[in-house]
Amino acid sequence: MSGAGMWVIVCGPSGAGKDSALRWAAGQLATHRRICFARRLVTRPPGAGADDDAIGLPELQALRARGALAWHWQAHGLHYGIASDYQRRVAAGEVVVVNGSREHARQLAGHNGVRCVLVTAPAPLVAERLRRRGREDEDGVALRVARNAELQPPAADRVIVNDGRLEQAGVALRDYLLELAE
């Protein structure tokens, strides 16, 4: 990496296991001095996402207006932001990992200092995971799986197919981040 910091946007469809792989890798790299996992600001009720910081839309918009967000995007009816403090960490040479969306990753494609990791899984496995999660009924699961099939994935610097044990996807993500931090 030669001292240059960068952003790593990790994205993938619901049910691919992106959040689980991120949590696994973050646990393994918690003490690494050059890798940081950014916490997202998200406009959803507190407690709905333990890996996010809940914020109201007016507050998020105010942060954006003040230039206090390094990144912001919308997905699935929610608004997301990454505090600009993380930009300073990138400038200081750190690899800052962001739990992002596929659409946002597509918008960032080609930006200098941005890498994209796509976590994916076969459609039947995604459907099974969505059913187990229990947030959608069967029609909702079918809609998500169909949307995943239609949505063009972003250009990715690394693709992780999460079709085995969680540790396999976590190791693949961890190892890629370590490679970038060298």
C-alpha atoms as a PDB file:
ATOM      1  CA  MET A   1       0.000   0.000   0.000  1.00  0.00           C
ATOM      2  CA  SER A   2       3.037   2.269   0.379  1.00  0.00           C
ATOM      3  CA  GLY A   3       1.530   4.542   3.041  1.00  0.00           C
ATOM      4  CA  ALA A   4      -1.435   5.761   0.994  1.00  0.00           C
ATOM      5  CA  GLY A   5      -4.783   5.382   2.666  1.00  0.00           C
ATOM      6  CA  MET A   6      -7.923   4.243   0.912  1.00  0.00           C
ATOM      7  CA  TRP A   7     -11.604   3.527   1.227  1.00  0.00           C
ATOM      8  CA  VAL A   8     -12.907  -0.025   0.837  1.00  0.00           C
ATOM      9  CA  ILE A   9     -16.620  -0.179   0.078  1.00  0.00           C
ATOM     10  CA  VAL A  10     -18.053  -3.613   0.927  1.00  0.00           C
ATOM     11  CA  CYS A  11     -21.396  -4.251  -0.750  1.00  0.00           C
ATOM     12  CA  GLY A  12     -23.693  -7.082  -1.721  1.00  0.00           C
ATOM     13  CA  PRO A  13     -27.315  -8.140  -1.823  1.00  0.00           C
ATOM     14  CA  SER A  14     -29.369  -8.785   1.289  1.00  0.00           C
ATOM     15  CA  GLY A  15     -28.818 -12.386   2.301  1.00  0.00           C
ATOM     16  CA  ALA A  16     -25.344 -12.691   0.797  1.00  0.00           C
ATOM     17  CA  GLY A  17     -23.788 -12.460   4.259  1.00  0.00           C
ATOM     18  CA  LYS A  18     -22.013  -9.122   3.833  1.00  0.00           C
ATOM     19  CA  ASP A  19     -22.780  -7.893   7.363  1.00  0.00           C
ATOM     20  CA  SER A  20     -21.688 -11.205   8.891  1.00  0.00           C
ATOM     21  CA  ALA A  21     -18.435 -11.243   6.905  1.00  0.00           C
ATOM     22  CA  LEU A  22     -17.762  -7.627   7.918  1.00  0.00           C
ATOM     23  CA  ARG A  23     -18.360  -8.382  11.612  1.00  0.00           C
ATOM     24  CA  TRP A  24     -16.099 -11.441  11.418  1.00  0.00           C
ATOM     25  CA  ALA A  25     -13.274  -9.520   9.714  1.00  0.00           C
ATOM     26  CA  ALA A  26     -13.676  -6.546  12.076  1.00  0.00           C
ATOM     27  CA  GLY A  27     -13.304  -8.877  15.049  1.00  0.00           C
ATOM     28  CA  GLN A  28     -10.126 -10.331  13.596  1.00  0.00           C
ATOM     29  CA  LEU A  29      -8.653  -6.918  12.767  1.00  0.00           C
ATOM     30  CA  ALA A  30      -9.793  -4.958  15.837  1.00  0.00           C
ATOM     31  CA  THR A  31      -6.222  -4.170  16.904  1.00  0.00           C
ATOM     32  CA  HIS A  32      -4.753  -3.510  13.449  1.00  0.00           C
ATOM     33  CA  ARG A  33      -3.294   0.003  13.371  1.00  0.00           C
ATOM     34  CA  ARG A  34      -3.948   0.687   9.683  1.00  0.00           C
ATOM     35  CA  ILE A  35      -7.419  -0.812   9.183  1.00  0.00           C
ATOM     36  CA  CYS A  36     -10.538   0.916  10.492  1.00  0.00           C
ATOM     37  CA  PHE A  37     -14.176  -0.169  10.136  1.00  0.00           C
ATOM     38  CA  ALA A  38     -16.360   2.935   9.770  1.00  0.00           C
ATOM     39  CA  ARG A  39     -19.678   3.130  11.572  1.00  0.00           C
ATOM     40  CA  ARG A  40     -22.515   4.244   9.333  1.00  0.00           C
ATOM     41  CA  LEU A  41     -25.068   6.839  10.255  1.00  0.00           C
ATOM     42  CA  VAL A  42     -28.487   5.578   9.147  1.00  0.00           C
ATOM     43  CA  THR A  43     -32.011   6.976   9.310  1.00  0.00           C
ATOM     44  CA  ARG A  44     -33.694   4.034  11.006  1.00  0.00           C
ATOM     45  CA  PRO A  45     -34.973   3.537  14.543  1.00  0.00           C
ATOM     46  CA  PRO A  46     -32.309   2.976  17.229  1.00  0.00           C
ATOM     47  CA  GLY A  47     -31.559  -0.672  17.854  1.00  0.00           C
ATOM     48  CA  ALA A  48     -32.590  -1.807  14.363  1.00  0.00           C
ATOM     49  CA  GLY A  49     -28.964  -2.182  13.281  1.00  0.00           C
ATOM     50  CA  ALA A  50     -26.344  -2.810  15.953  1.00  0.00           C
ATOM     51  CA  ASP A  51     -23.523  -2.017  13.525  1.00  0.00           C
ATOM     52  CA  ASP A  52     -24.968   1.404  12.664  1.00  0.00           C
ATOM     53  CA  ASP A  53     -25.599   4.658  14.490  1.00  0.00           C
ATOM     54  CA  ALA A  54     -29.258   5.700  14.199  1.00  0.00           C
ATOM     55  CA  ILE A  55     -29.916   9.333  13.296  1.00  0.00           C
ATOM     56  CA  GLY A  56     -32.945  11.329  12.189  1.00  0.00           C
ATOM     57  CA  LEU A  57     -33.165  12.522   8.598  1.00  0.00           C
ATOM     58  CA  PRO A  58     -33.058  16.240   9.577  1.00  0.00           C
ATOM     59  CA  GLU A  59     -29.851  15.632  11.561  1.00  0.00           C
ATOM     60  CA  LEU A  60     -28.258  13.697   8.702  1.00  0.00           C
ATOM     61  CA  GLN A  61     -29.216  16.437   6.239  1.00  0.00           C
ATOM     62  CA  ALA A  62     -27.717  19.066   8.568  1.00  0.00           C
ATOM     63  CA  LEU A  63     -24.445  17.117   8.755  1.00  0.00           C
ATOM     64  CA  ARG A  64     -24.397  16.859   4.975  1.00  0.00           C
ATOM     65  CA  ALA A  65     -25.059  20.614   4.590  1.00  0.00           C
ATOM     66  CA  ARG A  66     -22.153  21.388   6.961  1.00  0.00           C
ATOM     67  CA  GLY A  67     -19.803  19.126   5.000  1.00  0.00           C
ATOM     68  CA  ALA A  68     -19.510  16.776   7.970  1.00  0.00           C
ATOM     69  CA  LEU A  69     -20.056  13.657   5.846  1.00  0.00           C
ATOM     70  CA  ALA A  70     -17.376  12.061   3.703  1.00  0.00           C
ATOM     71  CA  TRP A  71     -19.980   9.911   1.907  1.00  0.00           C
ATOM     72  CA  HIS A  72     -23.757   9.801   1.799  1.00  0.00           C
ATOM     73  CA  TRP A  73     -26.249   7.700  -0.149  1.00  0.00           C
ATOM     74  CA  GLN A  74     -29.761   6.289  -0.134  1.00  0.00           C
ATOM     75  CA  ALA A  75     -30.840   2.650  -0.357  1.00  0.00           C
ATOM     76  CA  HIS A  76     -34.081   0.812   0.401  1.00  0.00           C
ATOM     77  CA  GLY A  77     -35.793   3.983   1.620  1.00  0.00           C
ATOM     78  CA  LEU A  78     -33.068   4.821   4.145  1.00  0.00           C
ATOM     79  CA  HIS A  79     -30.382   7.507   4.096  1.00  0.00           C
ATOM     80  CA  TYR A  80     -26.805   6.666   5.059  1.00  0.00           C
ATOM     81  CA  GLY A  81     -23.731   8.717   5.881  1.00  0.00           C
ATOM     82  CA  ILE A  82     -20.091   8.269   6.825  1.00  0.00           C
ATOM     83  CA  ALA A  83     -18.626  10.992   9.059  1.00  0.00           C
ATOM     84  CA  SER A  84     -15.896  13.129   7.534  1.00  0.00           C
ATOM     85  CA  ASP A  85     -13.590  12.185  10.441  1.00  0.00           C
ATOM     86  CA  TYR A  86     -12.898   8.987   8.514  1.00  0.00           C
ATOM     87  CA  GLN A  87     -11.530  11.046   5.607  1.00  0.00           C
ATOM     88  CA  ARG A  88      -8.758  12.229   7.939  1.00  0.00           C
ATOM     89  CA  ARG A  89      -7.929   8.610   8.708  1.00  0.00           C
ATOM     90  CA  VAL A  90      -7.657   7.836   4.985  1.00  0.00           C
ATOM     91  CA  ALA A  91      -5.431  10.900   4.589  1.00  0.00           C
ATOM     92  CA  ALA A  92      -3.268   9.560   7.442  1.00  0.00           C
ATOM     93  CA  GLY A  93      -2.712   6.301   5.539  1.00  0.00           C
ATOM     94  CA  GLU A  94      -5.411   4.033   6.964  1.00  0.00           C
ATOM     95  CA  VAL A  95      -7.642   1.602   5.103  1.00  0.00           C
ATOM     96  CA  VAL A  96     -11.195   2.623   6.049  1.00  0.00           C
ATOM     97  CA  VAL A  97     -13.813  -0.065   5.450  1.00  0.00           C
ATOM     98  CA  VAL A  98     -17.399   1.012   4.738  1.00  0.00           C
ATOM     99  CA  ASN A  99     -20.513  -1.154   4.752  1.00  0.00           C
ATOM    100  CA  GLY A 100     -22.033   0.320   1.592  1.00  0.00           C
ATOM    101  CA  SER A 101     -24.640  -0.320  -1.060  1.00  0.00           C
ATOM    102  CA  ARG A 102     -24.167  -1.689  -4.564  1.00  0.00           C
ATOM    103  CA  GLU A 103     -25.594   1.472  -6.130  1.00  0.00           C
ATOM    104  CA  HIS A 104     -23.276   3.695  -4.100  1.00  0.00           C
ATOM    105  CA  ALA A 105     -20.316   1.481  -5.032  1.00  0.00           C
ATOM    106  CA  ARG A 106     -21.270   1.884  -8.703  1.00  0.00           C
ATOM    107  CA  GLN A 107     -21.213   5.676  -8.283  1.00  0.00           C
ATOM    108  CA  LEU A 108     -17.744   5.509  -6.708  1.00  0.00           C
ATOM    109  CA  ALA A 109     -16.278   3.227  -9.381  1.00  0.00           C
ATOM    110  CA  GLY A 110     -13.092   4.682 -10.767  1.00  0.00           C
ATOM    111  CA  HIS A 111     -12.522   7.155  -7.929  1.00  0.00           C
ATOM    112  CA  ASN A 112      -8.898   7.246  -6.889  1.00  0.00           C
ATOM    113  CA  GLY A 113      -8.336   5.690  -3.480  1.00  0.00           C
ATOM    114  CA  VAL A 114     -11.569   3.651  -3.495  1.00  0.00           C
ATOM    115  CA  ARG A 115     -11.744  -0.142  -3.721  1.00  0.00           C
ATOM    116  CA  CYS A 116     -14.891  -2.251  -3.933  1.00  0.00           C
ATOM    117  CA  VAL A 117     -15.516  -5.697  -2.456  1.00  0.00           C
ATOM    118  CA  LEU A 118     -18.670  -7.481  -3.620  1.00  0.00           C
ATOM    119  CA  VAL A 119     -19.987 -10.200  -1.302  1.00  0.00           C
ATOM    120  CA  THR A 120     -22.381 -12.495  -3.121  1.00  0.00           C
ATOM    121  CA  ALA A 121     -24.003 -15.918  -2.840  1.00  0.00           C
ATOM    122  CA  PRO A 122     -26.099 -18.181  -5.086  1.00  0.00           C
ATOM    123  CA  ALA A 123     -29.779 -17.152  -5.323  1.00  0.00           C
ATOM    124  CA  PRO A 124     -31.189 -20.249  -3.542  1.00  0.00           C
ATOM    125  CA  LEU A 125     -28.846 -19.668  -0.595  1.00  0.00           C
ATOM    126  CA  VAL A 126     -29.729 -15.955  -0.489  1.00  0.00           C
ATOM    127  CA  ALA A 127     -33.438 -16.878  -0.413  1.00  0.00           C
ATOM    128  CA  GLU A 128     -32.852 -19.384   2.397  1.00  0.00           C
ATOM    129  CA  ARG A 129     -30.943 -16.802   4.458  1.00  0.00           C
ATOM    130  CA  LEU A 130     -33.633 -14.163   3.906  1.00  0.00           C
ATOM    131  CA  ARG A 131     -36.302 -16.615   5.071  1.00  0.00           C
ATOM    132  CA  ARG A 132     -34.264 -17.415   8.198  1.00  0.00           C
ATOM    133  CA  ARG A 133     -33.798 -13.716   8.927  1.00  0.00           C
ATOM    134  CA  GLY A 134     -37.587 -13.383   9.010  1.00  0.00           C
ATOM    135  CA  ARG A 135     -37.910  -9.713   7.993  1.00  0.00           C
ATOM    136  CA  GLU A 136     -39.844 -10.457   4.773  1.00  0.00           C
ATOM    137  CA  ASP A 137     -42.697 -12.792   3.956  1.00  0.00           C
ATOM    138  CA  GLU A 138     -42.306 -15.245   1.065  1.00  0.00           C
ATOM    139  CA  ASP A 139     -43.366 -12.621  -1.506  1.00  0.00           C
ATOM    140  CA  GLY A 140     -40.803 -10.204  -0.085  1.00  0.00           C
ATOM    141  CA  VAL A 141     -38.084 -12.850  -0.298  1.00  0.00           C
ATOM    142  CA  ALA A 142     -39.013 -13.583  -3.922  1.00  0.00           C
ATOM    143  CA  LEU A 143     -38.937  -9.842  -4.729  1.00  0.00           C
ATOM    144  CA  ARG A 144     -35.475  -9.398  -3.205  1.00  0.00           C
ATOM    145  CA  VAL A 145     -34.073 -12.434  -5.025  1.00  0.00           C
ATOM    146  CA  ALA A 146     -35.573 -11.212  -8.331  1.00  0.00           C
ATOM    147  CA  ARG A 147     -34.150  -7.714  -7.768  1.00  0.00           C
ATOM    148  CA  ASN A 148     -30.726  -9.195  -7.082  1.00  0.00           C
ATOM    149  CA  ALA A 149     -30.874 -11.077 -10.387  1.00  0.00           C
ATOM    150  CA  GLU A 150     -31.832  -7.907 -12.296  1.00  0.00           C
ATOM    151  CA  LEU A 151     -29.419  -5.491 -10.624  1.00  0.00           C
ATOM    152  CA  GLN A 152     -26.086  -5.173 -12.389  1.00  0.00           C
ATOM    153  CA  PRO A 153     -23.357  -5.649  -9.768  1.00  0.00           C
ATOM    154  CA  PRO A 154     -20.760  -2.903  -9.429  1.00  0.00           C
ATOM    155  CA  ALA A 155     -17.272  -3.343 -10.828  1.00  0.00           C
ATOM    156  CA  ALA A 156     -15.459  -4.989  -7.946  1.00  0.00           C
ATOM    157  CA  ASP A 157     -11.774  -5.196  -7.101  1.00  0.00           C
ATOM    158  CA  ARG A 158     -12.543  -8.385  -5.158  1.00  0.00           C
ATOM    159  CA  VAL A 159     -15.541 -10.715  -5.284  1.00  0.00           C
ATOM    160  CA  ILE A 160     -16.223 -12.979  -2.313  1.00  0.00           C
ATOM    161  CA  VAL A 161     -18.694 -15.789  -2.939  1.00  0.00           C
ATOM    162  CA  ASN A 162     -20.146 -16.551   0.482  1.00  0.00           C
ATOM    163  CA  ASP A 163     -21.532 -20.027  -0.159  1.00  0.00           C
ATOM    164  CA  GLY A 164     -19.733 -21.926   2.595  1.00  0.00           C
ATOM    165  CA  ARG A 165     -18.934 -21.360   6.238  1.00  0.00           C
ATOM    166  CA  LEU A 166     -18.923 -17.760   7.437  1.00  0.00           C
ATOM    167  CA  GLU A 167     -15.246 -18.032   8.348  1.00  0.00           C
ATOM    168  CA  GLN A 168     -14.366 -18.615   4.684  1.00  0.00           C
ATOM    169  CA  ALA A 169     -15.921 -15.311   3.598  1.00  0.00           C
ATOM    170  CA  GLY A 170     -14.499 -13.572   6.668  1.00  0.00           C
ATOM    171  CA  VAL A 171     -10.991 -14.878   5.968  1.00  0.00           C
ATOM    172  CA  ALA A 172     -11.234 -13.780   2.328  1.00  0.00           C
ATOM    173  CA  LEU A 173     -12.255 -10.262   3.392  1.00  0.00           C
ATOM    174  CA  ARG A 174      -9.665 -10.082   6.179  1.00  0.00           C
ATOM    175  CA  ASP A 175      -6.869 -11.246   3.892  1.00  0.00           C
ATOM    176  CA  TYR A 176      -7.786  -8.729   1.185  1.00  0.00           C
ATOM    177  CA  LEU A 177      -7.809  -5.889   3.719  1.00  0.00           C
ATOM    178  CA  LEU A 178      -4.430  -6.991   5.088  1.00  0.00           C
ATOM    179  CA  GLU A 179      -3.068  -7.051   1.538  1.00  0.00           C
ATOM    180  CA  LEU A 180      -4.265  -3.466   1.005  1.00  0.00           C
ATOM    181  CA  ALA A 181      -2.781  -2.330   4.327  1.00  0.00           C
ATOM    182  CA  GLU A 182       0.728  -3.647   3.547  1.00  0.00           C
END
